[in-house]
């Protein structure tokens, strides 16, 4: 079973169990929505996917700043800027190494969840 200790272990976070639990709950809720996919996977794979997805959510939130790295960017030869980043590598689930790992464990289905189709519904008529 996924636990705060595992999330701390992969992120290096020093947050308490109480602070990490909401991220584990959110990851579990997302995976419940993928029950068709996760039903065919071992409990070890689902547990690891939950842990990495929780780490992704943690590292992309302000609460998870201690799991982020400092990035430095030179603006000119005289100035540079430093900021915290969750290992930004892409967009959505692919934005962190943790999201990439969770996506890989689940066969790429998390990337598909990021692709929400847009639809427009018109009620009535235009006169």
Protein backbone atom coordinates (compact mmCIF):
# COMPACT_ATOMS: atom_id res chain seq x y z
CA UNK A 1 0.00 0.00 0.00
CA UNK A 2 1.23 3.46 -0.88
CA UNK A 3 2.20 5.56 2.12
CA UNK A 4 3.68 8.96 2.95
CA UNK A 5 7.08 7.35 3.65
CA UNK A 6 7.30 6.19 0.03
CA UNK A 7 6.42 9.67 -1.26
CA UNK A 8 9.05 11.20 1.03
CA UNK A 9 11.55 8.60 -0.14
CA UNK A 10 11.25 9.47 -3.83
CA UNK A 11 10.84 13.23 -3.47
CA UNK A 12 13.18 13.96 -0.59
CA UNK A 13 10.35 15.90 1.05
CA UNK A 14 10.33 16.56 4.77
CA UNK A 15 6.55 17.01 4.99
CA UNK A 16 4.56 15.16 7.64
CA UNK A 17 2.18 12.28 6.97
CA UNK A 18 -0.75 14.66 7.48
CA UNK A 19 0.62 17.02 4.82
CA UNK A 20 1.29 14.25 2.27
CA UNK A 21 -1.96 12.29 2.75
CA UNK A 22 -4.14 14.64 0.61
CA UNK A 23 -1.83 14.04 -2.36
CA UNK A 24 -2.08 10.27 -1.87
CA UNK A 25 -5.87 10.57 -1.60
CA UNK A 26 -6.01 12.54 -4.84
CA UNK A 27 -3.79 10.03 -6.63
CA UNK A 28 -5.98 7.17 -5.38
CA UNK A 29 -9.10 8.97 -6.60
CA UNK A 30 -7.58 9.43 -10.07
CA UNK A 31 -6.68 5.74 -10.23
CA UNK A 32 -10.19 4.76 -9.12
CA UNK A 33 -11.37 6.52 -12.28
CA UNK A 34 -9.09 4.21 -14.23
CA UNK A 35 -10.44 1.02 -12.66
CA UNK A 36 -10.79 -0.69 -16.04
CA UNK A 37 -7.09 -0.18 -16.67
CA UNK A 38 -5.85 -0.86 -13.14
CA UNK A 39 -7.92 -4.05 -12.75
CA UNK A 40 -5.48 -5.85 -15.05
CA UNK A 41 -2.38 -4.61 -13.22
CA UNK A 42 -0.68 -6.07 -10.18
CA UNK A 43 -1.15 -4.41 -6.81
CA UNK A 44 2.57 -3.56 -6.82
CA UNK A 45 2.22 -1.62 -10.08
CA UNK A 46 -0.91 0.20 -8.87
CA UNK A 47 0.76 1.00 -5.54
CA UNK A 48 3.85 2.41 -7.27
CA UNK A 49 1.71 4.39 -9.73
CA UNK A 50 -0.23 5.87 -6.79
CA UNK A 51 3.00 6.83 -5.04
CA UNK A 52 4.50 8.47 -8.13
CA UNK A 53 1.26 10.25 -8.99
CA UNK A 54 1.05 11.58 -5.42
CA UNK A 55 4.66 12.76 -5.74
CA UNK A 56 3.72 14.51 -8.98
CA UNK A 57 0.82 16.32 -7.32
CA UNK A 58 3.00 17.19 -4.33
CA UNK A 59 5.88 18.56 -6.38
CA UNK A 60 3.60 20.72 -8.52
CA UNK A 61 1.97 22.35 -5.49
CA UNK A 62 3.29 25.15 -3.28
CA UNK A 63 3.26 22.70 -0.35
CA UNK A 64 5.88 20.59 -2.11
CA UNK A 65 8.52 23.29 -2.51
CA UNK A 66 11.11 21.19 -0.67
CA UNK A 67 10.72 18.52 -3.38
CA UNK A 68 11.60 21.01 -6.12
CA UNK A 69 14.95 22.02 -7.48
CA UNK A 70 16.36 25.51 -7.85
CA UNK A 71 16.77 26.50 -11.47
CA UNK A 72 19.01 29.35 -12.52
CA UNK A 73 18.57 31.23 -15.73
CA UNK A 74 20.85 34.00 -17.02
CA UNK A 75 18.95 37.02 -18.29
CA UNK A 76 22.02 38.99 -19.30
CA UNK A 77 25.67 38.72 -18.41
CA UNK A 78 24.94 40.75 -15.27
CA UNK A 79 21.63 39.31 -14.10
CA UNK A 80 20.18 35.90 -13.46
CA UNK A 81 16.99 34.62 -11.92
CA UNK A 82 16.47 31.64 -9.62
CA UNK A 83 13.18 29.85 -9.14
CA UNK A 84 11.85 26.58 -7.79
CA UNK A 85 10.65 24.09 -10.35
CA UNK A 86 9.28 20.56 -10.11
CA UNK A 87 11.79 19.30 -12.68
CA UNK A 88 9.66 20.81 -15.44
CA UNK A 89 10.00 18.53 -18.45
CA UNK A 90 6.73 18.89 -20.31
CA UNK A 91 3.10 19.68 -19.77
CA UNK A 92 0.44 18.07 -17.62
CA UNK A 93 1.38 14.68 -16.24
CA UNK A 94 4.67 14.81 -18.16
CA UNK A 95 5.78 17.98 -16.33
CA UNK A 96 7.61 16.01 -13.64
CA UNK A 97 9.72 12.90 -13.51
CA UNK A 98 7.18 11.52 -11.05
CA UNK A 99 4.28 12.04 -13.44
CA UNK A 100 6.26 10.42 -16.21
CA UNK A 101 6.94 7.39 -14.02
CA UNK A 102 3.26 7.07 -13.03
CA UNK A 103 2.22 7.39 -16.67
CA UNK A 104 4.72 4.74 -17.74
CA UNK A 105 3.54 2.32 -15.02
CA UNK A 106 -0.06 2.76 -16.23
CA UNK A 107 0.75 2.22 -19.89
CA UNK A 108 0.39 5.86 -20.93
CA UNK A 109 -3.23 6.33 -19.92
CA UNK A 110 -2.55 9.37 -17.72
CA UNK A 111 -1.42 11.37 -20.76
CA UNK A 112 -4.72 10.52 -22.41
CA UNK A 113 -6.59 11.88 -19.38
CA UNK A 114 -4.81 15.22 -19.92
CA UNK A 115 -6.40 15.44 -23.37
CA UNK A 116 -9.87 16.64 -22.46
CA UNK A 117 -11.98 17.20 -25.58
CA UNK A 118 -13.70 20.55 -25.93
CA UNK A 119 -17.34 20.60 -26.96
CA UNK A 120 -19.88 23.35 -27.43
CA UNK A 121 -23.59 22.86 -26.89
CA UNK A 122 -26.08 25.37 -28.21
CA UNK A 123 -29.58 25.45 -26.85
CA UNK A 124 -32.23 27.47 -28.63
CA UNK A 125 -32.06 29.22 -31.94
CA UNK A 126 -30.49 32.35 -33.30
CA UNK A 127 -32.97 34.74 -34.89
